[in-house]
Amino acid sequence: MLLAVPGMAEAGDLGQNQIRFDPALLERYMKFFAAVREESDHANIC
């Protein structure tokens, strides 16, 4: 999640001074997670 937020800011996806737990954030998180996960890992978002 720590990598997803700066990525969204750099891409201009944060229109306000807020980070919302929304589909755009979750999608970006899942891309980072998929790149580093091992077979037994699970995406524990909460």
C-alpha atoms as a PDB file:
ATOM      1  CA  MET A   1       0.000   0.000   0.000  1.00  0.00           C
ATOM      2  CA  LEU A   2       2.924   2.311   0.728  1.00  0.00           C
ATOM      3  CA  LEU A   3       4.003   2.084  -2.913  1.00  0.00           C
ATOM      4  CA  ALA A   4       0.516   2.519  -4.328  1.00  0.00           C
ATOM      5  CA  VAL A   5      -0.134   5.933  -2.773  1.00  0.00           C
ATOM      6  CA  PRO A   6       2.964   7.741  -4.129  1.00  0.00           C
ATOM      7  CA  GLY A   7       2.313   6.127  -7.497  1.00  0.00           C
ATOM      8  CA  MET A   8      -1.166   7.593  -7.558  1.00  0.00           C
ATOM      9  CA  ALA A   9       0.175  11.020  -6.578  1.00  0.00           C
ATOM     10  CA  GLU A  10       2.823  10.903  -9.296  1.00  0.00           C
ATOM     11  CA  ALA A  11       0.210   9.895 -11.876  1.00  0.00           C
ATOM     12  CA  GLY A  12      -2.020  12.800 -10.823  1.00  0.00           C
ATOM     13  CA  ASP A  13      -4.756  10.498  -9.536  1.00  0.00           C
ATOM     14  CA  LEU A  14      -5.051  12.279  -6.175  1.00  0.00           C
ATOM     15  CA  GLY A  15      -7.198  15.313  -6.897  1.00  0.00           C
ATOM     16  CA  GLN A  16      -7.498  16.381  -3.261  1.00  0.00           C
ATOM     17  CA  ASN A  17      -5.358  16.179  -0.173  1.00  0.00           C
ATOM     18  CA  GLN A  18      -7.033  12.870   0.677  1.00  0.00           C
ATOM     19  CA  ILE A  19      -6.311   9.218   0.132  1.00  0.00           C
ATOM     20  CA  ARG A  20      -9.525   7.308  -0.401  1.00  0.00           C
ATOM     21  CA  PHE A  21      -9.872   3.554  -0.068  1.00  0.00           C
ATOM     22  CA  ASP A  22     -11.438   3.171  -3.491  1.00  0.00           C
ATOM     23  CA  PRO A  23     -11.170   0.900  -6.551  1.00  0.00           C
ATOM     24  CA  ALA A  24      -8.324   2.957  -8.085  1.00  0.00           C
ATOM     25  CA  LEU A  25      -6.163   2.538  -4.974  1.00  0.00           C
ATOM     26  CA  LEU A  26      -7.005  -1.151  -4.676  1.00  0.00           C
ATOM     27  CA  GLU A  27      -6.201  -1.768  -8.342  1.00  0.00           C
ATOM     28  CA  ARG A  28      -2.799  -0.114  -8.020  1.00  0.00           C
ATOM     29  CA  TYR A  29      -2.107  -2.021  -4.789  1.00  0.00           C
ATOM     30  CA  MET A  30      -2.984  -5.338  -6.431  1.00  0.00           C
ATOM     31  CA  LYS A  31      -0.558  -4.647  -9.292  1.00  0.00           C
ATOM     32  CA  PHE A  32       2.293  -4.080  -6.842  1.00  0.00           C
ATOM     33  CA  PHE A  33       1.244  -7.098  -4.789  1.00  0.00           C
ATOM     34  CA  ALA A  34       1.107  -9.360  -7.836  1.00  0.00           C
ATOM     35  CA  ALA A  35       4.646  -8.333  -8.791  1.00  0.00           C
ATOM     36  CA  VAL A  36       6.182  -9.445  -5.480  1.00  0.00           C
ATOM     37  CA  ARG A  37       3.870 -12.109  -4.057  1.00  0.00           C
ATOM     38  CA  GLU A  38       4.844 -15.669  -3.438  1.00  0.00           C
ATOM     39  CA  GLU A  39       2.498 -18.605  -3.857  1.00  0.00           C
ATOM     40  CA  SER A  40       1.390 -18.687  -0.221  1.00  0.00           C
ATOM     41  CA  ASP A  41       0.857 -14.891   0.099  1.00  0.00           C
ATOM     42  CA  HIS A  42      -2.602 -13.355   0.322  1.00  0.00           C
ATOM     43  CA  ALA A  43      -3.560  -9.726  -0.306  1.00  0.00           C
ATOM     44  CA  ASN A  44      -4.559  -8.591   3.203  1.00  0.00           C
ATOM     45  CA  ILE A  45      -5.756  -5.101   2.431  1.00  0.00           C
ATOM     46  CA  CYS A  46      -7.447  -4.307   5.728  1.00  0.00           C
END
